[in-house]
Structure formats: C-alpha cells, structure tokens
Amino acid sequence: MKLYDNAEIVFCDNHILVAAKPAGMLTQPDDSNQESLETFAKNWLKFEYKKPGAVFLHCIHRLDRAVSGLVLFARTSKALSRLNEQMREMEIQRTYIAEVEGLLPLGQEGKLDHYLIHGDHRAILAQKDSPDAKHARLTFLVIQSKDHSSQVQIELETGRYHQIRAQFSAIGHPIVGDKRYGSKLGDGAEIKLHCFKLAFQHPVTKELLTFESPAPFA
C-alpha cells in the first residue's frame, strides 16, 4: 500500500496503523503547512474506509523530520491508552540502523549511557545531578564498516529527545548528514538514521507483532 513521496502504509486494522516515513517528512503536522505522515495517513483512511468526517489517529512515538522509518499509530482511544502504557514501560521494541562517521570495528557491541537535557532544538549532554537531566541508554552492534563510516544497529533502552543523534555525537561518531550534531557530511535535510523494526503486543488481540522496513541507505 504505497503512498507518495516514498511513504508507505505497512499495516492497518481496526485498532492500529503502522506507516513508513521518508526522511524530510514531518511525523505530525505543525504550523508550516507542510506534509506530515499523520495527515497523509488520515487522508488514506478517509479514502480507504470512505469516512466522511474526522479520523481518530494518534502517533505513539515520533521520528525527527530528517529521520526515516516506521511509526506506530493508534486508531482508537483504547488502543492509544494501552500502547502509551507499553511505551512508558519500554515494551515497544524500536530498532534503528544508522550510518555514523568514522570507523568502528565490525562486530563491536557497545552501550552508550549519558544524561541529556532538552535544549533549544537539540539535546545537550549534562551531569547526572543537573536540573532536568534525563538518563539516556542504548545498545549498539556494528554491522558494516566502510571507508570513512560505519553502520550500526541500535536498540533503545530509553526514548529521549534526539537521543541517538546526541549520544553518537558525544562519542565522536555523529550520524552521517547530521549537521546539528557535528557531521561534516550532507546538508542536514536528511540524516542516515532509520527506524527499521517495531515489535510490540497488539493492544486488543495481545498478539506479538513485528514490522520491518529496510533502511534506504543500507
């Protein structure tokens, strides 16, 4: 079920919708009047199910505009409540692929552990006892090494603002194209970070669901 601009409806039932967002598209609408995945998915639902009025659709997590990958939406208030609870309990597995600057040994496994403050359109490293500092944790596996960059598979243990971008920049390996966090490559409109896998329990049937979307740069 393809959408324009390389977006895609991956799955839809009466309770949830999973869509793949291209880099450069907003997850949710803002004041810019530019296309968002949420608006597009609502329009798709109106057309697909011939809904004349407003469509209930709420995202469970968001992707930065410059990031691509899978986004989970709730189609009912019951699904929204239950999926939000899964999100708070870190029971929704989100796996990312990123291409980072610099060489990391193939097969290396690691864990990044920092404290972050939500600053002005960026995450800022902080001390543990700093006001408003939040713990940020992730694990990674190096899956490919190139001439001047490495591809890593990332599992989030927390869901902080710009977490992956800030943490890899902090260790001297910013994501390729991520000018905001020190990348020397690209223009910042697209960064090589992609949410390629979602795994979670269906909020109504309780079935374990897994969805994957290949990274465009892999």
N, C-alpha and C. Protein backbone atom coordinates (compact mmCIF):
# COMPACT_ATOMS: atom_id res chain seq x y z
N MET A 1 0.85 -1.19 0.00
CA MET A 1 0.00 0.00 0.00
C MET A 1 0.88 1.24 0.00
N LYS A 2 1.25 1.70 -1.16
CA LYS A 2 2.20 2.79 -1.30
C LYS A 2 1.52 4.14 -1.20
N LEU A 3 2.25 5.08 -0.64
CA LEU A 3 1.85 6.48 -0.64
C LEU A 3 2.86 7.25 -1.47
N TYR A 4 2.57 8.51 -1.75
CA TYR A 4 3.56 9.28 -2.49
C TYR A 4 4.72 9.69 -1.61
N ASP A 5 5.76 10.22 -2.22
CA ASP A 5 6.97 10.66 -1.51
C ASP A 5 7.64 9.50 -0.77
N ASN A 6 7.44 8.26 -1.29
CA ASN A 6 8.08 7.07 -0.72
C ASN A 6 7.56 6.69 0.66
N ALA A 7 6.49 7.34 1.13
CA ALA A 7 5.86 6.89 2.36
C ALA A 7 5.03 5.65 2.06
N GLU A 8 4.72 4.89 3.10
CA GLU A 8 4.02 3.63 2.87
C GLU A 8 3.18 3.25 4.08
N ILE A 9 1.96 2.79 3.83
CA ILE A 9 1.16 2.17 4.87
C ILE A 9 1.58 0.71 4.93
N VAL A 10 2.16 0.31 6.04
CA VAL A 10 2.70 -1.04 6.18
C VAL A 10 1.64 -2.01 6.70
N PHE A 11 0.80 -1.52 7.63
CA PHE A 11 -0.22 -2.39 8.23
C PHE A 11 -1.34 -1.51 8.77
N CYS A 12 -2.57 -2.03 8.68
CA CYS A 12 -3.70 -1.32 9.25
C CYS A 12 -4.80 -2.31 9.61
N ASP A 13 -5.32 -2.18 10.83
CA ASP A 13 -6.54 -2.90 11.21
C ASP A 13 -7.45 -1.92 11.94
N ASN A 14 -8.43 -2.41 12.66
CA ASN A 14 -9.38 -1.52 13.31
C ASN A 14 -8.81 -0.74 14.48
N HIS A 15 -7.62 -1.13 14.94
CA HIS A 15 -7.07 -0.55 16.17
C HIS A 15 -5.74 0.19 15.98
N ILE A 16 -4.93 -0.25 15.03
CA ILE A 16 -3.60 0.34 14.86
C ILE A 16 -3.30 0.56 13.38
N LEU A 17 -2.33 1.42 13.15
CA LEU A 17 -1.79 1.64 11.80
C LEU A 17 -0.28 1.80 11.93
N VAL A 18 0.45 1.14 11.06
CA VAL A 18 1.91 1.28 11.01
C VAL A 18 2.27 1.85 9.64
N ALA A 19 3.06 2.91 9.64
CA ALA A 19 3.45 3.55 8.38
C ALA A 19 4.97 3.77 8.37
N ALA A 20 5.52 3.81 7.17
CA ALA A 20 6.94 4.10 7.00
C ALA A 20 7.10 5.52 6.48
N LYS A 21 7.86 6.33 7.21
CA LYS A 21 8.06 7.75 6.90
C LYS A 21 9.37 7.97 6.15
N PRO A 22 9.34 8.69 5.04
CA PRO A 22 10.60 9.05 4.39
C PRO A 22 11.28 10.20 5.12
N ALA A 23 12.59 10.29 4.99
CA ALA A 23 13.31 11.44 5.55
C ALA A 23 12.82 12.71 4.88
N GLY A 24 12.66 13.77 5.68
CA GLY A 24 12.20 15.05 5.16
C GLY A 24 10.73 15.31 5.38
N MET A 25 9.98 14.27 5.75
CA MET A 25 8.55 14.44 6.02
C MET A 25 8.33 14.56 7.52
N LEU A 26 7.44 15.44 7.93
CA LEU A 26 7.08 15.56 9.34
C LEU A 26 6.32 14.32 9.80
N THR A 27 6.47 13.96 11.06
CA THR A 27 5.63 12.90 11.62
C THR A 27 4.23 13.44 11.89
N GLN A 28 4.15 14.61 12.51
CA GLN A 28 2.88 15.25 12.83
C GLN A 28 2.83 16.64 12.20
N PRO A 29 1.65 17.15 11.94
CA PRO A 29 1.56 18.49 11.36
C PRO A 29 2.02 19.55 12.34
N ASP A 30 2.58 20.63 11.79
CA ASP A 30 2.97 21.79 12.60
C ASP A 30 2.43 23.05 11.93
N ASP A 31 2.99 24.19 12.25
CA ASP A 31 2.49 25.46 11.71
C ASP A 31 2.98 25.74 10.29
N SER A 32 3.81 24.86 9.73
CA SER A 32 4.41 25.13 8.42
C SER A 32 3.50 24.77 7.25
N ASN A 33 2.42 24.03 7.52
CA ASN A 33 1.52 23.57 6.46
C ASN A 33 2.19 22.61 5.49
N GLN A 34 3.30 22.02 5.91
CA GLN A 34 3.97 21.03 5.07
C GLN A 34 3.43 19.64 5.37
N GLU A 35 3.60 18.75 4.42
CA GLU A 35 3.03 17.41 4.51
C GLU A 35 3.57 16.66 5.73
N SER A 36 2.67 15.96 6.43
CA SER A 36 3.07 15.12 7.55
C SER A 36 2.55 13.71 7.33
N LEU A 37 3.22 12.76 7.93
CA LEU A 37 2.80 11.36 7.83
C LEU A 37 1.42 11.16 8.44
N GLU A 38 1.18 11.83 9.57
CA GLU A 38 -0.11 11.69 10.24
C GLU A 38 -1.26 12.18 9.35
N THR A 39 -1.09 13.34 8.75
CA THR A 39 -2.14 13.87 7.88
C THR A 39 -2.35 12.97 6.67
N PHE A 40 -1.25 12.51 6.11
CA PHE A 40 -1.39 11.64 4.96
C PHE A 40 -2.11 10.34 5.32
N ALA A 41 -1.75 9.77 6.47
CA ALA A 41 -2.39 8.52 6.90
C ALA A 41 -3.88 8.74 7.16
N LYS A 42 -4.24 9.89 7.73
CA LYS A 42 -5.66 10.20 7.94
C LYS A 42 -6.39 10.29 6.61
N ASN A 43 -5.78 10.93 5.63
CA ASN A 43 -6.40 11.03 4.31
C ASN A 43 -6.53 9.66 3.66
N TRP A 44 -5.52 8.82 3.88
CA TRP A 44 -5.58 7.44 3.34
C TRP A 44 -6.74 6.68 3.98
N LEU A 45 -6.91 6.83 5.29
CA LEU A 45 -8.01 6.15 5.99
C LEU A 45 -9.37 6.65 5.49
N LYS A 46 -9.48 7.96 5.28
CA LYS A 46 -10.74 8.52 4.78
C LYS A 46 -11.09 7.90 3.43
N PHE A 47 -10.08 7.77 2.57
CA PHE A 47 -10.32 7.21 1.24
C PHE A 47 -10.57 5.71 1.31
N GLU A 48 -9.73 5.00 2.05
CA GLU A 48 -9.80 3.53 2.10
C GLU A 48 -11.10 3.05 2.73
N TYR A 49 -11.53 3.74 3.80
CA TYR A 49 -12.72 3.29 4.53
C TYR A 49 -13.93 4.19 4.29
N LYS A 50 -13.78 5.13 3.32
CA LYS A 50 -14.88 6.02 2.94
C LYS A 50 -15.48 6.74 4.16
N LYS A 51 -14.58 7.30 4.99
CA LYS A 51 -15.01 8.01 6.19
C LYS A 51 -15.30 9.47 5.83
N PRO A 52 -16.50 9.95 6.09
CA PRO A 52 -16.83 11.33 5.70
C PRO A 52 -16.34 12.40 6.70
N GLY A 53 -16.19 12.02 7.98
CA GLY A 53 -15.86 13.03 8.99
C GLY A 53 -14.41 12.94 9.45
N ALA A 54 -14.20 13.42 10.67
CA ALA A 54 -12.85 13.42 11.25
C ALA A 54 -12.39 11.99 11.52
N VAL A 55 -11.09 11.78 11.40
CA VAL A 55 -10.48 10.46 11.62
C VAL A 55 -9.68 10.49 12.91
N PHE A 56 -9.89 9.52 13.78
CA PHE A 56 -9.10 9.40 15.02
C PHE A 56 -7.80 8.68 14.67
N LEU A 57 -6.68 9.34 14.88
CA LEU A 57 -5.37 8.74 14.63
C LEU A 57 -4.33 9.49 15.44
N HIS A 58 -3.62 8.78 16.32
CA HIS A 58 -2.61 9.41 17.16
C HIS A 58 -1.33 8.59 17.13
N CYS A 59 -0.20 9.27 16.93
CA CYS A 59 1.08 8.55 16.90
C CYS A 59 1.52 8.20 18.32
N ILE A 60 2.13 7.04 18.45
CA ILE A 60 2.62 6.54 19.74
C ILE A 60 4.04 7.01 20.00
N HIS A 61 4.79 7.22 18.95
CA HIS A 61 6.16 7.75 19.05
C HIS A 61 6.41 8.57 17.80
N ARG A 62 7.44 9.39 17.84
CA ARG A 62 7.71 10.28 16.72
C ARG A 62 9.12 10.05 16.19
N LEU A 63 9.29 10.39 14.92
CA LEU A 63 10.62 10.42 14.32
C LEU A 63 10.94 11.85 13.92
N ASP A 64 12.18 12.27 14.13
CA ASP A 64 12.59 13.59 13.69
C ASP A 64 12.37 13.71 12.18
N ARG A 65 12.16 14.92 11.74
CA ARG A 65 11.86 15.15 10.32
C ARG A 65 12.93 14.56 9.40
N ALA A 66 14.20 14.69 9.78
CA ALA A 66 15.29 14.23 8.93
C ALA A 66 15.52 12.72 9.00
N VAL A 67 14.76 12.04 9.87
CA VAL A 67 14.92 10.60 10.08
C VAL A 67 13.82 9.84 9.34
N SER A 68 14.13 8.65 8.86
CA SER A 68 13.14 7.83 8.17
C SER A 68 12.80 6.60 9.01
N GLY A 69 11.72 5.91 8.61
CA GLY A 69 11.42 4.64 9.26
C GLY A 69 9.99 4.48 9.72
N LEU A 70 9.77 3.45 10.54
CA LEU A 70 8.45 3.02 10.95
C LEU A 70 7.89 3.87 12.09
N VAL A 71 6.61 4.18 11.98
CA VAL A 71 5.89 4.93 13.02
C VAL A 71 4.59 4.17 13.33
N LEU A 72 4.29 4.04 14.61
CA LEU A 72 3.09 3.35 15.07
C LEU A 72 2.02 4.37 15.46
N PHE A 73 0.78 4.15 14.98
CA PHE A 73 -0.35 5.00 15.30
C PHE A 73 -1.46 4.17 15.95
N ALA A 74 -2.22 4.81 16.82
CA ALA A 74 -3.41 4.20 17.40
C ALA A 74 -4.64 4.74 16.67
N ARG A 75 -5.59 3.85 16.38
CA ARG A 75 -6.81 4.24 15.68
C ARG A 75 -8.01 4.38 16.61
N THR A 76 -7.86 3.97 17.87
CA THR A 76 -8.95 4.08 18.84
C THR A 76 -8.38 4.59 20.16
N SER A 77 -9.24 5.13 21.00
CA SER A 77 -8.79 5.62 22.30
C SER A 77 -8.30 4.47 23.18
N LYS A 78 -8.93 3.30 23.07
CA LYS A 78 -8.49 2.13 23.84
C LYS A 78 -7.08 1.72 23.42
N ALA A 79 -6.84 1.66 22.11
CA ALA A 79 -5.51 1.31 21.62
C ALA A 79 -4.48 2.35 22.04
N LEU A 80 -4.88 3.63 21.99
CA LEU A 80 -3.97 4.71 22.37
C LEU A 80 -3.53 4.55 23.82
N SER A 81 -4.47 4.32 24.71
CA SER A 81 -4.16 4.18 26.13
C SER A 81 -3.24 3.00 26.38
N ARG A 82 -3.54 1.87 25.78
CA ARG A 82 -2.75 0.66 26.01
C ARG A 82 -1.36 0.75 25.38
N LEU A 83 -1.26 1.33 24.20
CA LEU A 83 0.05 1.47 23.56
C LEU A 83 0.91 2.51 24.27
N ASN A 84 0.29 3.57 24.76
CA ASN A 84 1.05 4.55 25.54
C ASN A 84 1.62 3.91 26.80
N GLU A 85 0.85 3.02 27.41
CA GLU A 85 1.35 2.31 28.59
C GLU A 85 2.52 1.41 28.22
N GLN A 86 2.42 0.70 27.10
CA GLN A 86 3.54 -0.12 26.63
C GLN A 86 4.77 0.75 26.39
N MET A 87 4.55 1.94 25.85
CA MET A 87 5.66 2.84 25.57
C MET A 87 6.32 3.30 26.87
N ARG A 88 5.51 3.64 27.87
CA ARG A 88 6.06 4.08 29.15
C ARG A 88 6.87 2.97 29.81
N GLU A 89 6.42 1.74 29.64
CA GLU A 89 7.10 0.59 30.24
C GLU A 89 8.23 0.06 29.36
N MET A 90 8.52 0.74 28.25
CA MET A 90 9.57 0.34 27.30
C MET A 90 9.33 -1.08 26.78
N GLU A 91 8.06 -1.38 26.51
CA GLU A 91 7.69 -2.70 26.00
C GLU A 91 7.52 -2.70 24.48
N ILE A 92 7.68 -1.54 23.86
CA ILE A 92 7.66 -1.46 22.40
C ILE A 92 9.11 -1.40 21.93
N GLN A 93 9.53 -2.43 21.25
CA GLN A 93 10.92 -2.51 20.78
C GLN A 93 11.08 -1.69 19.51
N ARG A 94 12.01 -0.74 19.55
CA ARG A 94 12.32 0.06 18.37
C ARG A 94 13.79 -0.14 18.02
N THR A 95 14.04 -0.66 16.84
CA THR A 95 15.41 -0.94 16.40
C THR A 95 15.74 -0.03 15.23
N TYR A 96 16.90 0.60 15.31
CA TYR A 96 17.33 1.56 14.30
C TYR A 96 18.58 1.08 13.59
N ILE A 97 18.76 1.56 12.37
CA ILE A 97 20.01 1.44 11.64
C ILE A 97 20.53 2.86 11.44
N ALA A 98 21.80 3.07 11.72
CA ALA A 98 22.42 4.38 11.50
C ALA A 98 23.76 4.20 10.82
N GLU A 99 24.11 5.15 9.96
CA GLU A 99 25.46 5.21 9.43
C GLU A 99 26.15 6.38 10.13
N VAL A 100 27.24 6.08 10.82
CA VAL A 100 27.93 7.10 11.61
C VAL A 100 29.30 7.36 11.01
N GLU A 101 29.78 8.56 11.22
CA GLU A 101 31.10 8.92 10.71
C GLU A 101 32.20 8.21 11.51
N GLY A 102 33.27 7.86 10.81
CA GLY A 102 34.40 7.22 11.46
C GLY A 102 34.29 5.70 11.44
N LEU A 103 35.38 5.05 11.74
CA LEU A 103 35.46 3.59 11.67
C LEU A 103 35.29 2.97 13.05
N LEU A 104 34.39 2.02 13.13
CA LEU A 104 34.19 1.20 14.32
C LEU A 104 34.43 -0.25 13.92
N PRO A 105 35.03 -1.05 14.78
CA PRO A 105 35.34 -2.44 14.42
C PRO A 105 34.08 -3.24 14.12
N LEU A 106 34.08 -3.96 13.01
CA LEU A 106 32.95 -4.80 12.62
C LEU A 106 32.66 -5.81 13.73
N GLY A 107 31.40 -5.89 14.13
CA GLY A 107 31.01 -6.84 15.17
C GLY A 107 31.10 -6.28 16.58
N GLN A 108 31.65 -5.07 16.73
CA GLN A 108 31.75 -4.49 18.07
C GLN A 108 30.36 -4.25 18.66
N GLU A 109 30.20 -4.62 19.91
CA GLU A 109 28.97 -4.33 20.65
C GLU A 109 29.29 -3.28 21.71
N GLY A 110 28.35 -2.40 21.96
CA GLY A 110 28.60 -1.36 22.95
C GLY A 110 27.32 -0.85 23.57
N LYS A 111 27.48 -0.09 24.63
CA LYS A 111 26.35 0.55 25.31
C LYS A 111 26.71 2.00 25.56
N LEU A 112 25.79 2.90 25.24
CA LEU A 112 26.00 4.32 25.49
C LEU A 112 25.08 4.75 26.63
N ASP A 113 25.67 5.45 27.57
CA ASP A 113 24.98 5.81 28.81
C ASP A 113 25.30 7.26 29.11
N HIS A 114 24.32 8.14 28.94
CA HIS A 114 24.53 9.57 29.16
C HIS A 114 23.33 10.17 29.90
N TYR A 115 23.49 11.45 30.28
CA TYR A 115 22.38 12.24 30.78
C TYR A 115 22.19 13.42 29.83
N LEU A 116 20.94 13.67 29.46
CA LEU A 116 20.64 14.68 28.45
C LEU A 116 19.62 15.68 28.96
N ILE A 117 19.77 16.92 28.49
CA ILE A 117 18.78 17.98 28.73
C ILE A 117 18.20 18.38 27.39
N HIS A 118 16.89 18.56 27.35
CA HIS A 118 16.22 19.01 26.13
C HIS A 118 16.44 20.51 25.98
N GLY A 119 17.35 20.88 25.07
CA GLY A 119 17.67 22.28 24.86
C GLY A 119 16.84 22.88 23.73
N ASP A 120 17.34 23.94 23.12
CA ASP A 120 16.65 24.63 22.04
C ASP A 120 16.88 23.87 20.73
N HIS A 121 15.96 22.99 20.38
CA HIS A 121 16.02 22.17 19.17
C HIS A 121 17.24 21.25 19.14
N ARG A 122 17.74 20.88 20.30
CA ARG A 122 18.83 19.92 20.37
C ARG A 122 18.90 19.35 21.78
N ALA A 123 19.53 18.18 21.89
CA ALA A 123 19.78 17.56 23.19
C ALA A 123 21.19 17.93 23.64
N ILE A 124 21.33 18.25 24.90
CA ILE A 124 22.60 18.71 25.44
C ILE A 124 23.07 17.74 26.51
N LEU A 125 24.34 17.32 26.44
CA LEU A 125 24.90 16.45 27.46
C LEU A 125 24.95 17.17 28.80
N ALA A 126 24.66 16.43 29.86
CA ALA A 126 24.61 17.02 31.19
C ALA A 126 25.14 16.05 32.22
N GLN A 127 25.37 16.56 33.42
CA GLN A 127 25.74 15.72 34.54
C GLN A 127 24.49 15.08 35.14
N LYS A 128 24.70 13.98 35.84
CA LYS A 128 23.58 13.23 36.41
C LYS A 128 22.73 14.09 37.33
N ASP A 129 23.38 14.96 38.10
CA ASP A 129 22.64 15.77 39.08
C ASP A 129 22.21 17.13 38.54
N SER A 130 22.36 17.36 37.21
CA SER A 130 21.92 18.62 36.62
C SER A 130 20.40 18.71 36.62
N PRO A 131 19.85 19.91 36.85
CA PRO A 131 18.40 20.06 36.79
C PRO A 131 17.85 19.63 35.43
N ASP A 132 16.77 18.89 35.44
CA ASP A 132 16.07 18.44 34.23
C ASP A 132 16.83 17.39 33.42
N ALA A 133 17.97 16.91 33.91
CA ALA A 133 18.73 15.89 33.18
C ALA A 133 17.98 14.55 33.22
N LYS A 134 17.94 13.88 32.06
CA LYS A 134 17.28 12.59 31.96
C LYS A 134 18.26 11.54 31.46
N HIS A 135 18.16 10.35 32.05
CA HIS A 135 19.05 9.26 31.71
C HIS A 135 18.74 8.76 30.29
N ALA A 136 19.78 8.57 29.49
CA ALA A 136 19.63 8.08 28.12
C ALA A 136 20.53 6.86 27.93
N ARG A 137 19.94 5.74 27.53
CA ARG A 137 20.69 4.50 27.36
C ARG A 137 20.31 3.84 26.03
N LEU A 138 21.32 3.27 25.37
CA LEU A 138 21.09 2.47 24.18
C LEU A 138 22.22 1.46 24.04
N THR A 139 21.95 0.40 23.29
CA THR A 139 22.99 -0.56 22.94
C THR A 139 23.14 -0.56 21.43
N PHE A 140 24.33 -0.95 20.96
CA PHE A 140 24.54 -0.97 19.50
C PHE A 140 25.45 -2.12 19.10
N LEU A 141 25.33 -2.49 17.83
CA LEU A 141 26.16 -3.52 17.21
C LEU A 141 26.63 -2.98 15.87
N VAL A 142 27.94 -3.03 15.62
CA VAL A 142 28.48 -2.58 14.34
C VAL A 142 28.26 -3.68 13.31
N ILE A 143 27.49 -3.37 12.26
CA ILE A 143 27.12 -4.39 11.28
C ILE A 143 27.82 -4.21 9.94
N GLN A 144 28.48 -3.05 9.73
CA GLN A 144 29.18 -2.83 8.47
C GLN A 144 30.21 -1.72 8.65
N SER A 145 31.38 -1.90 8.05
CA SER A 145 32.40 -0.86 8.07
C SER A 145 32.70 -0.44 6.64
N LYS A 146 32.73 0.87 6.38
CA LYS A 146 33.03 1.40 5.06
C LYS A 146 34.36 2.14 5.13
N ASP A 147 34.67 2.91 4.09
CA ASP A 147 35.95 3.61 4.06
C ASP A 147 36.06 4.65 5.17
N HIS A 148 34.99 5.43 5.35
CA HIS A 148 35.05 6.52 6.33
C HIS A 148 33.83 6.53 7.26
N SER A 149 33.07 5.45 7.26
CA SER A 149 31.88 5.40 8.11
C SER A 149 31.57 3.96 8.51
N SER A 150 30.66 3.82 9.44
CA SER A 150 30.26 2.52 9.95
C SER A 150 28.75 2.48 10.08
N GLN A 151 28.16 1.30 9.85
CA GLN A 151 26.74 1.13 10.08
C GLN A 151 26.53 0.38 11.38
N VAL A 152 25.60 0.90 12.19
CA VAL A 152 25.33 0.29 13.48
C VAL A 152 23.84 -0.01 13.61
N GLN A 153 23.55 -1.10 14.30
CA GLN A 153 22.18 -1.43 14.66
C GLN A 153 21.98 -1.05 16.11
N ILE A 154 20.89 -0.33 16.40
CA ILE A 154 20.71 0.31 17.70
C ILE A 154 19.41 -0.15 18.35
N GLU A 155 19.50 -0.49 19.63
CA GLU A 155 18.31 -0.80 20.43
C GLU A 155 18.18 0.28 21.51
N LEU A 156 17.06 0.95 21.54
CA LEU A 156 16.83 1.97 22.56
C LEU A 156 16.39 1.33 23.87
N GLU A 157 16.98 1.79 24.96
CA GLU A 157 16.52 1.40 26.30
C GLU A 157 15.72 2.53 26.95
N THR A 158 15.89 3.73 26.42
CA THR A 158 15.08 4.89 26.83
C THR A 158 14.66 5.61 25.56
N GLY A 159 13.77 6.57 25.67
CA GLY A 159 13.29 7.28 24.49
C GLY A 159 13.41 8.78 24.64
N ARG A 160 14.62 9.27 24.75
CA ARG A 160 14.85 10.71 24.96
C ARG A 160 14.90 11.48 23.64
N TYR A 161 14.64 12.77 23.76
CA TYR A 161 14.68 13.68 22.61
C TYR A 161 16.07 13.66 21.95
N HIS A 162 16.12 13.37 20.64
CA HIS A 162 17.37 13.35 19.87
C HIS A 162 18.42 12.41 20.49
N GLN A 163 17.97 11.40 21.18
CA GLN A 163 18.89 10.57 21.96
C GLN A 163 20.00 9.94 21.12
N ILE A 164 19.63 9.24 20.05
CA ILE A 164 20.63 8.55 19.24
C ILE A 164 21.59 9.56 18.63
N ARG A 165 21.05 10.65 18.12
CA ARG A 165 21.87 11.66 17.46
C ARG A 165 22.88 12.27 18.44
N ALA A 166 22.41 12.62 19.63
CA ALA A 166 23.29 13.25 20.62
C ALA A 166 24.31 12.28 21.18
N GLN A 167 23.91 11.04 21.42
CA GLN A 167 24.83 10.09 22.06
C GLN A 167 25.96 9.67 21.13
N PHE A 168 25.68 9.44 19.85
CA PHE A 168 26.76 9.07 18.94
C PHE A 168 27.67 10.27 18.65
N SER A 169 27.11 11.46 18.63
CA SER A 169 27.95 12.64 18.51
C SER A 169 28.87 12.77 19.71
N ALA A 170 28.37 12.43 20.89
CA ALA A 170 29.14 12.55 22.12
C ALA A 170 30.37 11.65 22.14
N ILE A 171 30.32 10.54 21.41
CA ILE A 171 31.48 9.63 21.38
C ILE A 171 32.34 9.85 20.13
N GLY A 172 32.07 10.95 19.41
CA GLY A 172 32.90 11.29 18.26
C GLY A 172 32.50 10.62 16.97
N HIS A 173 31.28 10.08 16.91
CA HIS A 173 30.80 9.41 15.70
C HIS A 173 29.40 9.93 15.34
N PRO A 174 29.29 11.20 14.94
CA PRO A 174 27.97 11.73 14.58
C PRO A 174 27.37 10.97 13.41
N ILE A 175 26.05 10.97 13.33
CA ILE A 175 25.37 10.31 12.23
C ILE A 175 25.63 11.09 10.94
N VAL A 176 25.90 10.36 9.87
CA VAL A 176 26.20 10.98 8.58
C VAL A 176 25.04 11.89 8.16
N GLY A 177 25.39 13.13 7.85
CA GLY A 177 24.40 14.12 7.42
C GLY A 177 23.82 14.96 8.54
N ASP A 178 24.15 14.63 9.79
CA ASP A 178 23.53 15.31 10.93
C ASP A 178 24.35 16.53 11.33
N LYS A 179 24.19 17.61 10.57
CA LYS A 179 24.96 18.83 10.79
C LYS A 179 24.76 19.39 12.20
N ARG A 180 23.56 19.25 12.72
CA ARG A 180 23.26 19.81 14.04
C ARG A 180 24.15 19.20 15.12
N TYR A 181 24.57 17.97 14.92
CA TYR A 181 25.38 17.29 15.93
C TYR A 181 26.80 17.00 15.44
N GLY A 182 27.27 17.83 14.51
CA GLY A 182 28.69 17.80 14.17
C GLY A 182 29.11 17.02 12.96
N SER A 183 28.17 16.49 12.17
CA SER A 183 28.55 15.77 10.97
C SER A 183 29.17 16.72 9.96
N LYS A 184 30.21 16.27 9.30
CA LYS A 184 30.87 17.07 8.28
C LYS A 184 30.32 16.77 6.88
N LEU A 185 29.36 15.85 6.81
CA LEU A 185 28.81 15.43 5.53
C LEU A 185 27.34 15.81 5.43
N GLY A 186 26.86 16.04 4.20
CA GLY A 186 25.44 16.29 3.98
C GLY A 186 25.02 17.70 4.33
N ASP A 187 23.72 17.97 4.12
CA ASP A 187 23.18 19.32 4.34
C ASP A 187 22.24 19.39 5.53
N GLY A 188 22.02 18.29 6.22
CA GLY A 188 21.15 18.27 7.39
C GLY A 188 19.69 18.00 7.09
N ALA A 189 19.29 18.04 5.81
CA ALA A 189 17.90 17.78 5.46
C ALA A 189 17.55 16.31 5.67
N GLU A 190 18.51 15.44 5.40
CA GLU A 190 18.34 14.01 5.63
C GLU A 190 19.56 13.50 6.39
N ILE A 191 19.32 12.68 7.39
CA ILE A 191 20.42 12.04 8.09
C ILE A 191 20.25 10.54 7.98
N LYS A 192 21.34 9.83 8.06
CA LYS A 192 21.30 8.38 7.82
C LYS A 192 20.96 7.65 9.12
N LEU A 193 19.70 7.82 9.52
CA LEU A 193 19.15 7.16 10.70
C LEU A 193 17.75 6.70 10.34
N HIS A 194 17.47 5.42 10.58
CA HIS A 194 16.23 4.80 10.11
C HIS A 194 15.71 3.83 11.15
N CYS A 195 14.43 3.98 11.51
CA CYS A 195 13.77 3.03 12.41
C CYS A 195 13.29 1.85 11.56
N PHE A 196 14.02 0.75 11.58
CA PHE A 196 13.73 -0.32 10.64
C PHE A 196 12.88 -1.44 11.23
N LYS A 197 12.69 -1.45 12.56
CA LYS A 197 11.92 -2.55 13.15
C LYS A 197 11.11 -2.06 14.34
N LEU A 198 9.84 -2.48 14.40
CA LEU A 198 8.97 -2.28 15.55
C LEU A 198 8.45 -3.64 15.99
N ALA A 199 8.48 -3.91 17.28
CA ALA A 199 7.91 -5.14 17.83
C ALA A 199 7.13 -4.78 19.09
N PHE A 200 5.88 -5.23 19.17
CA PHE A 200 5.03 -4.86 20.30
C PHE A 200 3.84 -5.80 20.37
N GLN A 201 3.14 -5.75 21.48
CA GLN A 201 1.93 -6.54 21.66
C GLN A 201 0.72 -5.75 21.15
N HIS A 202 -0.08 -6.41 20.32
CA HIS A 202 -1.28 -5.74 19.82
C HIS A 202 -2.14 -5.32 21.01
N PRO A 203 -2.63 -4.09 21.02
CA PRO A 203 -3.34 -3.58 22.21
C PRO A 203 -4.66 -4.28 22.50
N VAL A 204 -5.22 -4.99 21.54
CA VAL A 204 -6.51 -5.66 21.75
C VAL A 204 -6.39 -7.18 21.67
N THR A 205 -5.77 -7.70 20.61
CA THR A 205 -5.67 -9.15 20.45
C THR A 205 -4.56 -9.76 21.29
N LYS A 206 -3.61 -8.93 21.75
CA LYS A 206 -2.45 -9.34 22.55
C LYS A 206 -1.42 -10.13 21.73
N GLU A 207 -1.63 -10.21 20.43
CA GLU A 207 -0.67 -10.89 19.56
C GLU A 207 0.64 -10.10 19.49
N LEU A 208 1.77 -10.80 19.47
CA LEU A 208 3.06 -10.13 19.31
C LEU A 208 3.27 -9.83 17.83
N LEU A 209 3.40 -8.55 17.51
CA LEU A 209 3.55 -8.11 16.13
C LEU A 209 4.96 -7.58 15.89
N THR A 210 5.49 -7.86 14.71
CA THR A 210 6.80 -7.35 14.31
C THR A 210 6.70 -6.82 12.89
N PHE A 211 7.21 -5.61 12.69
CA PHE A 211 7.22 -4.99 11.36
C PHE A 211 8.62 -4.51 11.06
N GLU A 212 9.02 -4.63 9.80
CA GLU A 212 10.35 -4.18 9.38
C GLU A 212 10.26 -3.37 8.10
N SER A 213 11.17 -2.42 7.96
CA SER A 213 11.26 -1.58 6.77
C SER A 213 12.75 -1.34 6.50
N PRO A 214 13.27 -1.79 5.37
CA PRO A 214 14.70 -1.65 5.11
C PRO A 214 15.16 -0.20 5.05
N ALA A 215 16.36 0.06 5.56
CA ALA A 215 16.91 1.41 5.50
C ALA A 215 17.24 1.77 4.06
N PRO A 216 16.91 2.99 3.63
CA PRO A 216 17.19 3.39 2.25
C PRO A 216 18.68 3.49 1.93
N PHE A 217 19.52 3.59 2.95
CA PHE A 217 20.96 3.75 2.74
C PHE A 217 21.75 2.48 3.04
N ALA A 218 21.06 1.41 3.44
CA ALA A 218 21.76 0.17 3.84
C ALA A 218 22.36 -0.51 2.62
